[in-house]
Amino acid sequence: MSRILIVDDEESILKSLKRVLSLTPCVVDGKKYPLTVDVFSSPALALLQIDCTAYDLVLSDYRMPEMDGVQLLKAVRQIQPNAVRMILSGYADLNGLIAAINEAGISRFISKPWNDYELVSAIGQALALRDLTLENQRLADHARLVNGSLTARDIEIKRLEAEEPGITHVVWDSDGSVLVDEFMIDLGSFDSKR
């Protein structure tokens, strides 16, 4: 199951994208990619979710009031570098597109209004490429393990961080207890998913 996050400040766009991705099968070269889609209208809340939930792909609107898509996807790149990043926009801003490619490392720019088939196809192709990239990384890590430049512990830390972002970044108190951010505890009771 591939997990996708969509961020757009327009609720109608979020509902439409979620509906399209829920109803249209995502198939590339005979391989089906079942999708779980999370949506957020707030980039800040989306970033909090990205801190604790692993995503295969993040699709963001370019122009949003809180934070633009390039800033959001730049942060996503820092938190989850293996997540595919895509921009969705109704504006053809060449400078913004260049910034998105260079700073956020987006793989695709999709224009609004989108063609449903092309959108699902682009997402499927991005997920297939991501699978190949991760397999290449896994094989390279195995080769590094064999030649001694990487330990089994390093590989396990990478695996855990990919599955549960932030799990390896624990803050310890001087007495050995784990420090928990009170803001995150309060946020835990707030469900921002649609």
N, C-alpha and C. Protein backbone atom coordinates (compact mmCIF):
# COMPACT_ATOMS: atom_id res chain seq x y z
N MET A 1 0.85 -1.17 0.00
CA MET A 1 0.00 0.00 0.00
C MET A 1 0.90 1.23 0.00
N SER A 2 0.68 2.12 -0.96
CA SER A 2 1.44 3.37 -1.04
C SER A 2 0.66 4.47 -0.34
N ARG A 3 1.36 5.24 0.47
CA ARG A 3 0.71 6.31 1.23
C ARG A 3 1.07 7.65 0.60
N ILE A 4 0.04 8.43 0.29
CA ILE A 4 0.20 9.72 -0.38
C ILE A 4 -0.36 10.82 0.50
N LEU A 5 0.33 11.95 0.51
CA LEU A 5 -0.16 13.13 1.22
C LEU A 5 -0.40 14.23 0.19
N ILE A 6 -1.58 14.84 0.27
CA ILE A 6 -1.92 15.96 -0.62
C ILE A 6 -2.17 17.18 0.24
N VAL A 7 -1.53 18.30 -0.13
CA VAL A 7 -1.70 19.55 0.61
C VAL A 7 -2.16 20.64 -0.36
N ASP A 8 -3.32 21.21 -0.06
CA ASP A 8 -3.87 22.30 -0.87
C ASP A 8 -4.79 23.10 0.03
N ASP A 9 -4.77 24.42 -0.09
CA ASP A 9 -5.60 25.26 0.77
C ASP A 9 -7.07 25.27 0.34
N GLU A 10 -7.38 24.71 -0.81
CA GLU A 10 -8.76 24.66 -1.29
C GLU A 10 -9.37 23.29 -1.00
N GLU A 11 -10.39 23.30 -0.13
CA GLU A 11 -11.05 22.04 0.28
C GLU A 11 -11.63 21.28 -0.92
N SER A 12 -12.20 22.01 -1.89
CA SER A 12 -12.81 21.33 -3.04
C SER A 12 -11.76 20.58 -3.86
N ILE A 13 -10.58 21.14 -3.97
CA ILE A 13 -9.48 20.46 -4.70
C ILE A 13 -9.09 19.19 -3.95
N LEU A 14 -8.96 19.28 -2.62
CA LEU A 14 -8.59 18.11 -1.82
C LEU A 14 -9.62 16.98 -1.99
N LYS A 15 -10.89 17.33 -1.91
CA LYS A 15 -11.95 16.32 -2.07
C LYS A 15 -11.91 15.69 -3.45
N SER A 16 -11.70 16.51 -4.46
CA SER A 16 -11.65 16.01 -5.83
C SER A 16 -10.46 15.08 -6.05
N LEU A 17 -9.29 15.49 -5.58
CA LEU A 17 -8.09 14.66 -5.75
C LEU A 17 -8.21 13.35 -4.98
N LYS A 18 -8.73 13.42 -3.78
CA LYS A 18 -8.89 12.20 -2.98
C LYS A 18 -9.87 11.25 -3.67
N ARG A 19 -10.96 11.79 -4.21
CA ARG A 19 -11.95 10.96 -4.91
C ARG A 19 -11.32 10.29 -6.13
N VAL A 20 -10.61 11.07 -6.94
CA VAL A 20 -9.97 10.52 -8.16
C VAL A 20 -9.00 9.41 -7.79
N LEU A 21 -8.17 9.64 -6.78
CA LEU A 21 -7.15 8.65 -6.42
C LEU A 21 -7.75 7.44 -5.71
N SER A 22 -8.92 7.59 -5.14
CA SER A 22 -9.59 6.46 -4.50
C SER A 22 -10.31 5.58 -5.51
N LEU A 23 -10.79 6.19 -6.60
CA LEU A 23 -11.60 5.45 -7.58
C LEU A 23 -10.81 4.92 -8.78
N THR A 24 -9.70 5.58 -9.11
CA THR A 24 -8.95 5.21 -10.31
C THR A 24 -7.77 4.32 -9.94
N PRO A 25 -7.70 3.12 -10.51
CA PRO A 25 -6.57 2.24 -10.19
C PRO A 25 -5.26 2.81 -10.72
N CYS A 26 -4.24 2.70 -9.91
CA CYS A 26 -2.91 3.19 -10.26
C CYS A 26 -2.07 1.97 -10.64
N VAL A 27 -1.87 1.77 -11.96
CA VAL A 27 -1.17 0.58 -12.46
C VAL A 27 -0.04 1.02 -13.38
N VAL A 28 1.16 0.46 -13.15
CA VAL A 28 2.32 0.75 -14.00
C VAL A 28 2.98 -0.58 -14.36
N ASP A 29 3.11 -0.85 -15.64
CA ASP A 29 3.71 -2.08 -16.14
C ASP A 29 3.12 -3.32 -15.46
N GLY A 30 1.81 -3.33 -15.30
CA GLY A 30 1.12 -4.48 -14.72
C GLY A 30 1.13 -4.53 -13.20
N LYS A 31 1.90 -3.67 -12.56
CA LYS A 31 1.94 -3.65 -11.09
C LYS A 31 0.95 -2.62 -10.58
N LYS A 32 0.06 -3.09 -9.68
CA LYS A 32 -0.95 -2.21 -9.12
C LYS A 32 -0.41 -1.56 -7.85
N TYR A 33 -0.64 -0.26 -7.72
CA TYR A 33 -0.25 0.50 -6.53
C TYR A 33 -1.51 0.94 -5.80
N PRO A 34 -1.96 0.14 -4.81
CA PRO A 34 -3.10 0.58 -4.02
C PRO A 34 -2.68 1.81 -3.20
N LEU A 35 -3.57 2.80 -3.10
CA LEU A 35 -3.21 4.06 -2.47
C LEU A 35 -4.01 4.34 -1.20
N THR A 36 -3.32 4.87 -0.22
CA THR A 36 -3.94 5.47 0.95
C THR A 36 -3.66 6.95 0.83
N VAL A 37 -4.70 7.78 0.87
CA VAL A 37 -4.54 9.21 0.62
C VAL A 37 -4.92 10.00 1.86
N ASP A 38 -3.98 10.81 2.36
CA ASP A 38 -4.24 11.75 3.45
C ASP A 38 -4.24 13.15 2.84
N VAL A 39 -5.13 14.01 3.32
CA VAL A 39 -5.22 15.37 2.79
C VAL A 39 -5.16 16.38 3.93
N PHE A 40 -4.51 17.52 3.65
CA PHE A 40 -4.43 18.62 4.60
C PHE A 40 -4.61 19.93 3.86
N SER A 41 -5.35 20.83 4.47
CA SER A 41 -5.48 22.18 3.90
C SER A 41 -4.47 23.14 4.51
N SER A 42 -3.77 22.71 5.55
CA SER A 42 -2.76 23.52 6.22
C SER A 42 -1.37 22.91 6.05
N PRO A 43 -0.44 23.61 5.42
CA PRO A 43 0.92 23.08 5.28
C PRO A 43 1.59 22.82 6.64
N ALA A 44 1.32 23.67 7.63
CA ALA A 44 1.94 23.50 8.95
C ALA A 44 1.48 22.19 9.60
N LEU A 45 0.18 21.91 9.53
CA LEU A 45 -0.33 20.65 10.08
C LEU A 45 0.17 19.46 9.27
N ALA A 46 0.31 19.63 7.97
CA ALA A 46 0.85 18.56 7.13
C ALA A 46 2.27 18.23 7.54
N LEU A 47 3.07 19.25 7.84
CA LEU A 47 4.46 19.01 8.27
C LEU A 47 4.51 18.26 9.59
N LEU A 48 3.60 18.56 10.50
CA LEU A 48 3.55 17.81 11.76
C LEU A 48 3.25 16.34 11.49
N GLN A 49 2.37 16.08 10.54
CA GLN A 49 2.03 14.70 10.18
C GLN A 49 3.23 14.01 9.51
N ILE A 50 3.95 14.74 8.69
CA ILE A 50 5.11 14.19 7.99
C ILE A 50 6.21 13.80 8.98
N ASP A 51 6.26 14.50 10.11
CA ASP A 51 7.24 14.17 11.15
C ASP A 51 7.03 12.79 11.74
N CYS A 52 5.80 12.27 11.67
CA CYS A 52 5.52 11.00 12.34
C CYS A 52 4.91 9.92 11.45
N THR A 53 4.62 10.24 10.19
CA THR A 53 4.03 9.25 9.28
C THR A 53 4.86 9.19 8.00
N ALA A 54 5.23 8.00 7.61
CA ALA A 54 6.02 7.82 6.39
C ALA A 54 5.12 7.92 5.16
N TYR A 55 5.55 8.73 4.20
CA TYR A 55 4.81 8.89 2.95
C TYR A 55 5.70 8.49 1.78
N ASP A 56 5.05 7.89 0.79
CA ASP A 56 5.75 7.53 -0.44
C ASP A 56 5.77 8.71 -1.41
N LEU A 57 4.73 9.55 -1.34
CA LEU A 57 4.62 10.66 -2.28
C LEU A 57 3.88 11.82 -1.60
N VAL A 58 4.36 13.04 -1.84
CA VAL A 58 3.70 14.24 -1.33
C VAL A 58 3.41 15.14 -2.52
N LEU A 59 2.13 15.49 -2.68
CA LEU A 59 1.67 16.37 -3.75
C LEU A 59 1.17 17.65 -3.10
N SER A 60 1.76 18.78 -3.49
CA SER A 60 1.40 20.05 -2.86
C SER A 60 1.02 21.09 -3.89
N ASP A 61 0.04 21.91 -3.51
CA ASP A 61 -0.29 23.09 -4.30
C ASP A 61 0.91 24.03 -4.23
N TYR A 62 1.09 24.83 -5.27
CA TYR A 62 2.21 25.77 -5.28
C TYR A 62 1.91 27.01 -4.45
N ARG A 63 0.74 27.61 -4.65
CA ARG A 63 0.40 28.86 -3.96
C ARG A 63 -0.59 28.60 -2.84
N MET A 64 -0.11 28.79 -1.61
CA MET A 64 -0.97 28.67 -0.44
C MET A 64 -0.65 29.85 0.48
N PRO A 65 -1.61 30.30 1.27
CA PRO A 65 -1.38 31.49 2.09
C PRO A 65 -0.34 31.33 3.20
N GLU A 66 -0.33 30.20 3.89
CA GLU A 66 0.58 29.97 5.01
C GLU A 66 2.03 29.80 4.57
N MET A 67 2.21 29.00 3.56
CA MET A 67 3.53 28.57 3.12
C MET A 67 3.37 28.09 1.69
N ASP A 68 4.30 28.45 0.81
CA ASP A 68 4.13 27.97 -0.56
C ASP A 68 4.61 26.52 -0.69
N GLY A 69 4.27 25.91 -1.81
CA GLY A 69 4.58 24.51 -2.03
C GLY A 69 6.07 24.21 -2.05
N VAL A 70 6.88 25.15 -2.53
CA VAL A 70 8.32 24.92 -2.55
C VAL A 70 8.87 24.83 -1.13
N GLN A 71 8.42 25.75 -0.26
CA GLN A 71 8.87 25.71 1.14
C GLN A 71 8.45 24.40 1.81
N LEU A 72 7.21 24.00 1.58
CA LEU A 72 6.70 22.76 2.16
C LEU A 72 7.50 21.56 1.67
N LEU A 73 7.69 21.46 0.36
CA LEU A 73 8.39 20.29 -0.18
C LEU A 73 9.88 20.30 0.16
N LYS A 74 10.43 21.47 0.37
CA LYS A 74 11.82 21.56 0.85
C LYS A 74 11.93 20.94 2.25
N ALA A 75 10.96 21.24 3.10
CA ALA A 75 10.93 20.66 4.44
C ALA A 75 10.69 19.15 4.37
N VAL A 76 9.82 18.73 3.47
CA VAL A 76 9.56 17.29 3.27
C VAL A 76 10.85 16.59 2.87
N ARG A 77 11.61 17.22 2.00
CA ARG A 77 12.88 16.63 1.54
C ARG A 77 13.84 16.42 2.70
N GLN A 78 13.85 17.35 3.67
CA GLN A 78 14.70 17.22 4.84
C GLN A 78 14.23 16.09 5.76
N ILE A 79 12.93 15.98 5.95
CA ILE A 79 12.36 15.01 6.89
C ILE A 79 12.30 13.61 6.28
N GLN A 80 11.82 13.52 5.04
CA GLN A 80 11.66 12.23 4.36
C GLN A 80 12.25 12.32 2.95
N PRO A 81 13.56 12.18 2.83
CA PRO A 81 14.20 12.36 1.53
C PRO A 81 13.77 11.36 0.46
N ASN A 82 13.24 10.21 0.87
CA ASN A 82 12.81 9.20 -0.11
C ASN A 82 11.39 9.39 -0.61
N ALA A 83 10.66 10.34 -0.04
CA ALA A 83 9.30 10.60 -0.51
C ALA A 83 9.37 11.38 -1.82
N VAL A 84 8.61 10.94 -2.80
CA VAL A 84 8.53 11.65 -4.08
C VAL A 84 7.79 12.96 -3.83
N ARG A 85 8.26 14.03 -4.44
CA ARG A 85 7.65 15.35 -4.24
C ARG A 85 7.15 15.88 -5.58
N MET A 86 5.87 16.32 -5.59
CA MET A 86 5.26 16.85 -6.80
C MET A 86 4.53 18.15 -6.47
N ILE A 87 4.48 19.05 -7.46
CA ILE A 87 3.77 20.33 -7.31
C ILE A 87 2.56 20.33 -8.23
N LEU A 88 1.46 20.88 -7.70
CA LEU A 88 0.23 21.05 -8.46
C LEU A 88 -0.07 22.55 -8.45
N SER A 89 -0.27 23.14 -9.62
CA SER A 89 -0.50 24.58 -9.64
C SER A 89 -1.28 25.02 -10.86
N GLY A 90 -2.05 26.07 -10.66
CA GLY A 90 -2.77 26.70 -11.76
C GLY A 90 -1.99 27.86 -12.35
N TYR A 91 -0.82 28.14 -11.80
CA TYR A 91 0.00 29.26 -12.25
C TYR A 91 1.26 28.74 -12.93
N ALA A 92 1.58 29.31 -14.07
CA ALA A 92 2.79 28.92 -14.80
C ALA A 92 3.90 29.90 -14.44
N ASP A 93 4.45 29.76 -13.25
CA ASP A 93 5.51 30.63 -12.75
C ASP A 93 6.85 29.93 -12.98
N LEU A 94 7.57 30.36 -14.01
CA LEU A 94 8.83 29.71 -14.38
C LEU A 94 9.85 29.75 -13.25
N ASN A 95 9.99 30.91 -12.59
CA ASN A 95 10.95 31.02 -11.49
C ASN A 95 10.57 30.09 -10.34
N GLY A 96 9.27 30.02 -10.05
CA GLY A 96 8.80 29.12 -9.00
C GLY A 96 9.05 27.67 -9.34
N LEU A 97 8.85 27.32 -10.60
CA LEU A 97 9.09 25.96 -11.05
C LEU A 97 10.57 25.60 -10.94
N ILE A 98 11.44 26.51 -11.33
CA ILE A 98 12.88 26.28 -11.23
C ILE A 98 13.28 26.10 -9.77
N ALA A 99 12.73 26.95 -8.88
CA ALA A 99 13.02 26.83 -7.45
C ALA A 99 12.54 25.49 -6.93
N ALA A 100 11.36 25.05 -7.37
CA ALA A 100 10.82 23.77 -6.91
C ALA A 100 11.72 22.61 -7.32
N ILE A 101 12.24 22.68 -8.52
CA ILE A 101 13.13 21.61 -8.99
C ILE A 101 14.46 21.65 -8.25
N ASN A 102 15.06 22.83 -8.15
CA ASN A 102 16.38 22.95 -7.54
C ASN A 102 16.37 22.82 -6.02
N GLU A 103 15.43 23.46 -5.35
CA GLU A 103 15.44 23.49 -3.89
C GLU A 103 14.69 22.33 -3.26
N ALA A 104 13.55 21.98 -3.82
CA ALA A 104 12.73 20.93 -3.21
C ALA A 104 12.90 19.58 -3.88
N GLY A 105 13.56 19.56 -5.02
CA GLY A 105 13.78 18.30 -5.72
C GLY A 105 12.50 17.64 -6.20
N ILE A 106 11.58 18.45 -6.75
CA ILE A 106 10.33 17.85 -7.22
C ILE A 106 10.60 16.99 -8.45
N SER A 107 9.75 15.98 -8.60
CA SER A 107 9.91 15.10 -9.75
C SER A 107 8.94 15.46 -10.87
N ARG A 108 7.88 16.21 -10.53
CA ARG A 108 6.87 16.51 -11.54
C ARG A 108 6.08 17.75 -11.18
N PHE A 109 5.72 18.52 -12.19
CA PHE A 109 4.85 19.69 -12.06
C PHE A 109 3.56 19.35 -12.79
N ILE A 110 2.44 19.37 -12.08
CA ILE A 110 1.15 19.05 -12.68
C ILE A 110 0.30 20.32 -12.66
N SER A 111 -0.25 20.67 -13.80
CA SER A 111 -1.01 21.92 -13.87
C SER A 111 -2.49 21.69 -13.54
N LYS A 112 -3.08 22.74 -12.96
CA LYS A 112 -4.52 22.77 -12.72
C LYS A 112 -5.15 23.48 -13.90
N PRO A 113 -6.26 23.05 -14.39
CA PRO A 113 -6.95 21.82 -14.04
C PRO A 113 -6.19 20.62 -14.61
N TRP A 114 -6.25 19.54 -13.94
CA TRP A 114 -5.50 18.35 -14.34
C TRP A 114 -6.43 17.38 -15.08
N ASN A 115 -5.79 16.51 -15.83
CA ASN A 115 -6.48 15.40 -16.49
C ASN A 115 -6.35 14.22 -15.53
N ASP A 116 -7.46 13.61 -15.14
CA ASP A 116 -7.43 12.53 -14.14
C ASP A 116 -6.49 11.40 -14.54
N TYR A 117 -6.59 10.97 -15.79
CA TYR A 117 -5.74 9.86 -16.25
C TYR A 117 -4.27 10.24 -16.15
N GLU A 118 -3.91 11.44 -16.61
CA GLU A 118 -2.51 11.88 -16.57
C GLU A 118 -2.00 12.01 -15.13
N LEU A 119 -2.86 12.48 -14.23
CA LEU A 119 -2.48 12.61 -12.82
C LEU A 119 -2.19 11.24 -12.22
N VAL A 120 -3.10 10.30 -12.40
CA VAL A 120 -2.91 8.96 -11.84
C VAL A 120 -1.70 8.28 -12.49
N SER A 121 -1.52 8.49 -13.78
CA SER A 121 -0.37 7.92 -14.47
C SER A 121 0.94 8.50 -13.94
N ALA A 122 0.99 9.81 -13.73
CA ALA A 122 2.19 10.47 -13.20
C ALA A 122 2.52 9.96 -11.80
N ILE A 123 1.50 9.79 -10.98
CA ILE A 123 1.71 9.28 -9.62
C ILE A 123 2.20 7.84 -9.68
N GLY A 124 1.60 7.01 -10.53
CA GLY A 124 2.04 5.63 -10.68
C GLY A 124 3.48 5.53 -11.14
N GLN A 125 3.85 6.33 -12.15
CA GLN A 125 5.23 6.32 -12.64
C GLN A 125 6.20 6.77 -11.56
N ALA A 126 5.82 7.78 -10.79
CA ALA A 126 6.69 8.26 -9.71
C ALA A 126 6.88 7.19 -8.64
N LEU A 127 5.80 6.47 -8.30
CA LEU A 127 5.91 5.41 -7.30
C LEU A 127 6.76 4.25 -7.81
N ALA A 128 6.63 3.92 -9.10
CA ALA A 128 7.44 2.85 -9.68
C ALA A 128 8.92 3.24 -9.67
N LEU A 129 9.22 4.48 -10.02
CA LEU A 129 10.61 4.95 -10.00
C LEU A 129 11.15 4.95 -8.57
N ARG A 130 10.31 5.34 -7.62
CA ARG A 130 10.72 5.32 -6.20
C ARG A 130 11.07 3.90 -5.77
N ASP A 131 10.25 2.93 -6.16
CA ASP A 131 10.54 1.53 -5.82
C ASP A 131 11.90 1.10 -6.36
N LEU A 132 12.19 1.46 -7.61
CA LEU A 132 13.49 1.11 -8.20
C LEU A 132 14.65 1.79 -7.47
N THR A 133 14.47 3.05 -7.13
CA THR A 133 15.50 3.80 -6.42
C THR A 133 15.77 3.18 -5.04
N LEU A 134 14.71 2.83 -4.32
CA LEU A 134 14.89 2.21 -3.01
C LEU A 134 15.55 0.85 -3.11
N GLU A 135 15.21 0.09 -4.14
CA GLU A 135 15.86 -1.21 -4.33
C GLU A 135 17.35 -1.03 -4.63
N ASN A 136 17.69 -0.04 -5.44
CA ASN A 136 19.10 0.26 -5.71
C ASN A 136 19.83 0.65 -4.43
N GLN A 137 19.19 1.47 -3.59
CA GLN A 137 19.80 1.86 -2.31
C GLN A 137 20.00 0.64 -1.41
N ARG A 138 19.01 -0.25 -1.40
CA ARG A 138 19.11 -1.46 -0.58
C ARG A 138 20.29 -2.33 -1.04
N LEU A 139 20.42 -2.49 -2.35
CA LEU A 139 21.53 -3.28 -2.88
C LEU A 139 22.88 -2.62 -2.60
N ALA A 140 22.94 -1.30 -2.73
CA ALA A 140 24.18 -0.58 -2.43
C ALA A 140 24.54 -0.70 -0.95
N ASP A 141 23.53 -0.62 -0.07
CA ASP A 141 23.78 -0.79 1.37
C ASP A 141 24.27 -2.19 1.68
N HIS A 142 23.70 -3.18 0.99
CA HIS A 142 24.16 -4.56 1.19
C HIS A 142 25.63 -4.70 0.77
N ALA A 143 25.99 -4.08 -0.35
CA ALA A 143 27.39 -4.13 -0.80
C ALA A 143 28.30 -3.44 0.21
N ARG A 144 27.85 -2.30 0.78
CA ARG A 144 28.65 -1.60 1.79
C ARG A 144 28.78 -2.43 3.07
N LEU A 145 27.73 -3.17 3.40
CA LEU A 145 27.77 -4.05 4.57
C LEU A 145 28.80 -5.15 4.36
N VAL A 146 28.80 -5.73 3.17
CA VAL A 146 29.73 -6.81 2.85
C VAL A 146 31.18 -6.31 2.88
N ASN A 147 31.42 -5.10 2.36
CA ASN A 147 32.81 -4.61 2.35
C ASN A 147 33.21 -3.88 3.63
N GLY A 148 32.27 -3.80 4.60
CA GLY A 148 32.61 -3.28 5.91
C GLY A 148 32.49 -1.77 6.10
N SER A 149 32.02 -1.05 5.09
CA SER A 149 31.89 0.40 5.25
C SER A 149 30.56 0.80 5.87
N LEU A 150 29.70 -0.19 6.14
CA LEU A 150 28.40 0.06 6.77
C LEU A 150 28.13 -1.10 7.72
N THR A 151 27.51 -0.80 8.87
CA THR A 151 27.20 -1.87 9.83
C THR A 151 25.72 -2.24 9.73
N ALA A 152 25.42 -3.40 10.29
CA ALA A 152 24.02 -3.86 10.32
C ALA A 152 23.18 -2.87 11.13
N ARG A 153 23.77 -2.27 12.16
CA ARG A 153 23.06 -1.27 12.98
C ARG A 153 22.69 -0.06 12.13
N ASP A 154 23.61 0.41 11.28
CA ASP A 154 23.34 1.56 10.40
C ASP A 154 22.17 1.26 9.46
N ILE A 155 22.14 0.06 8.91
CA ILE A 155 21.07 -0.33 8.00
C ILE A 155 19.73 -0.39 8.75
N GLU A 156 19.75 -0.93 9.98
CA GLU A 156 18.52 -1.01 10.75
C GLU A 156 18.01 0.37 11.13
N ILE A 157 18.89 1.29 11.47
CA ILE A 157 18.49 2.67 11.78
C ILE A 157 17.84 3.31 10.55
N LYS A 158 18.42 3.11 9.37
CA LYS A 158 17.84 3.64 8.13
C LYS A 158 16.44 3.07 7.89
N ARG A 159 16.31 1.77 8.11
CA ARG A 159 15.02 1.11 7.90
C ARG A 159 13.97 1.64 8.87
N LEU A 160 14.33 1.75 10.14
CA LEU A 160 13.38 2.26 11.14
C LEU A 160 12.97 3.69 10.84
N GLU A 161 13.92 4.52 10.46
CA GLU A 161 13.61 5.92 10.17
C GLU A 161 12.71 6.04 8.94
N ALA A 162 12.89 5.15 7.96
CA ALA A 162 12.03 5.18 6.77
C ALA A 162 10.60 4.75 7.12
N GLU A 163 10.46 3.78 8.01
CA GLU A 163 9.13 3.29 8.40
C GLU A 163 8.42 4.24 9.35
N GLU A 164 9.15 4.78 10.31
CA GLU A 164 8.58 5.66 11.35
C GLU A 164 9.46 6.90 11.49
N PRO A 165 9.23 7.91 10.69
CA PRO A 165 10.07 9.11 10.74
C PRO A 165 10.18 9.68 12.15
N GLY A 166 11.40 10.00 12.55
CA GLY A 166 11.64 10.60 13.85
C GLY A 166 11.90 9.60 14.96
N ILE A 167 11.72 8.30 14.70
CA ILE A 167 11.85 7.30 15.76
C ILE A 167 13.28 7.21 16.28
N THR A 168 14.25 7.52 15.47
CA THR A 168 15.64 7.44 15.91
C THR A 168 16.15 8.74 16.52
N HIS A 169 15.29 9.74 16.59
CA HIS A 169 15.67 11.04 17.14
C HIS A 169 15.00 11.25 18.50
N VAL A 170 15.44 10.49 19.48
CA VAL A 170 14.86 10.56 20.82
C VAL A 170 15.69 11.52 21.66
N VAL A 171 15.01 12.36 22.45
CA VAL A 171 15.68 13.29 23.34
C VAL A 171 15.61 12.71 24.75
N TRP A 172 16.80 12.49 25.34
CA TRP A 172 16.89 11.88 26.66
C TRP A 172 17.18 12.94 27.71
N ASP A 173 16.60 12.77 28.90
CA ASP A 173 16.89 13.63 30.04
C ASP A 173 18.14 13.09 30.73
N SER A 174 18.71 13.87 31.64
CA SER A 174 19.93 13.45 32.33
C SER A 174 19.71 12.21 33.18
N ASP A 175 18.47 11.95 33.61
CA ASP A 175 18.19 10.75 34.41
C ASP A 175 17.87 9.53 33.55
N GLY A 176 17.93 9.68 32.23
CA GLY A 176 17.69 8.56 31.33
C GLY A 176 16.27 8.45 30.83
N SER A 177 15.40 9.34 31.27
CA SER A 177 14.01 9.29 30.79
C SER A 177 13.90 9.98 29.43
N VAL A 178 12.88 9.60 28.70
CA VAL A 178 12.64 10.17 27.38
C VAL A 178 11.84 11.46 27.56
N LEU A 179 12.29 12.54 26.93
CA LEU A 179 11.58 13.81 26.97
C LEU A 179 10.59 13.87 25.82
N VAL A 180 9.35 14.23 26.13
CA VAL A 180 8.29 14.31 25.13
C VAL A 180 7.85 15.76 25.04
N ASP A 181 7.72 16.24 23.84
CA ASP A 181 7.28 17.61 23.61
C ASP A 181 5.80 17.72 23.96
N GLU A 182 5.45 18.59 24.90
CA GLU A 182 4.06 18.74 25.33
C GLU A 182 3.15 19.16 24.18
N PHE A 183 3.67 19.94 23.24
CA PHE A 183 2.88 20.36 22.09
C PHE A 183 2.42 19.16 21.29
N MET A 184 3.29 18.17 21.13
CA MET A 184 2.93 16.98 20.36
C MET A 184 1.88 16.14 21.09
N ILE A 185 1.92 16.14 22.44
CA ILE A 185 0.92 15.40 23.20
C ILE A 185 -0.45 16.05 22.98
N ASP A 186 -0.52 17.39 23.06
CA ASP A 186 -1.77 18.09 22.84
C ASP A 186 -2.27 17.87 21.42
N LEU A 187 -1.34 17.85 20.45
CA LEU A 187 -1.70 17.68 19.06
C LEU A 187 -2.21 16.28 18.78
N GLY A 188 -1.76 15.29 19.60
CA GLY A 188 -2.17 13.91 19.39
C GLY A 188 -3.67 13.71 19.47
N SER A 189 -4.35 14.53 20.23
CA SER A 189 -5.80 14.39 20.34
C SER A 189 -6.54 15.13 19.23
N PHE A 190 -5.80 15.90 18.44
CA PHE A 190 -6.40 16.67 17.36
C PHE A 190 -6.22 15.93 16.05
N ASP A 191 -7.30 15.49 15.44
CA ASP A 191 -7.22 14.77 14.17
C ASP A 191 -7.46 15.75 13.04
N SER A 192 -6.39 16.06 12.29
CA SER A 192 -6.49 17.05 11.22
C SER A 192 -6.75 16.43 9.86
N LYS A 193 -6.84 15.10 9.80
CA LYS A 193 -7.09 14.45 8.50
C LYS A 193 -8.53 14.66 8.09
N ARG A 194 -8.74 14.65 6.82
CA ARG A 194 -10.09 14.83 6.30
C ARG A 194 -10.64 13.47 5.89
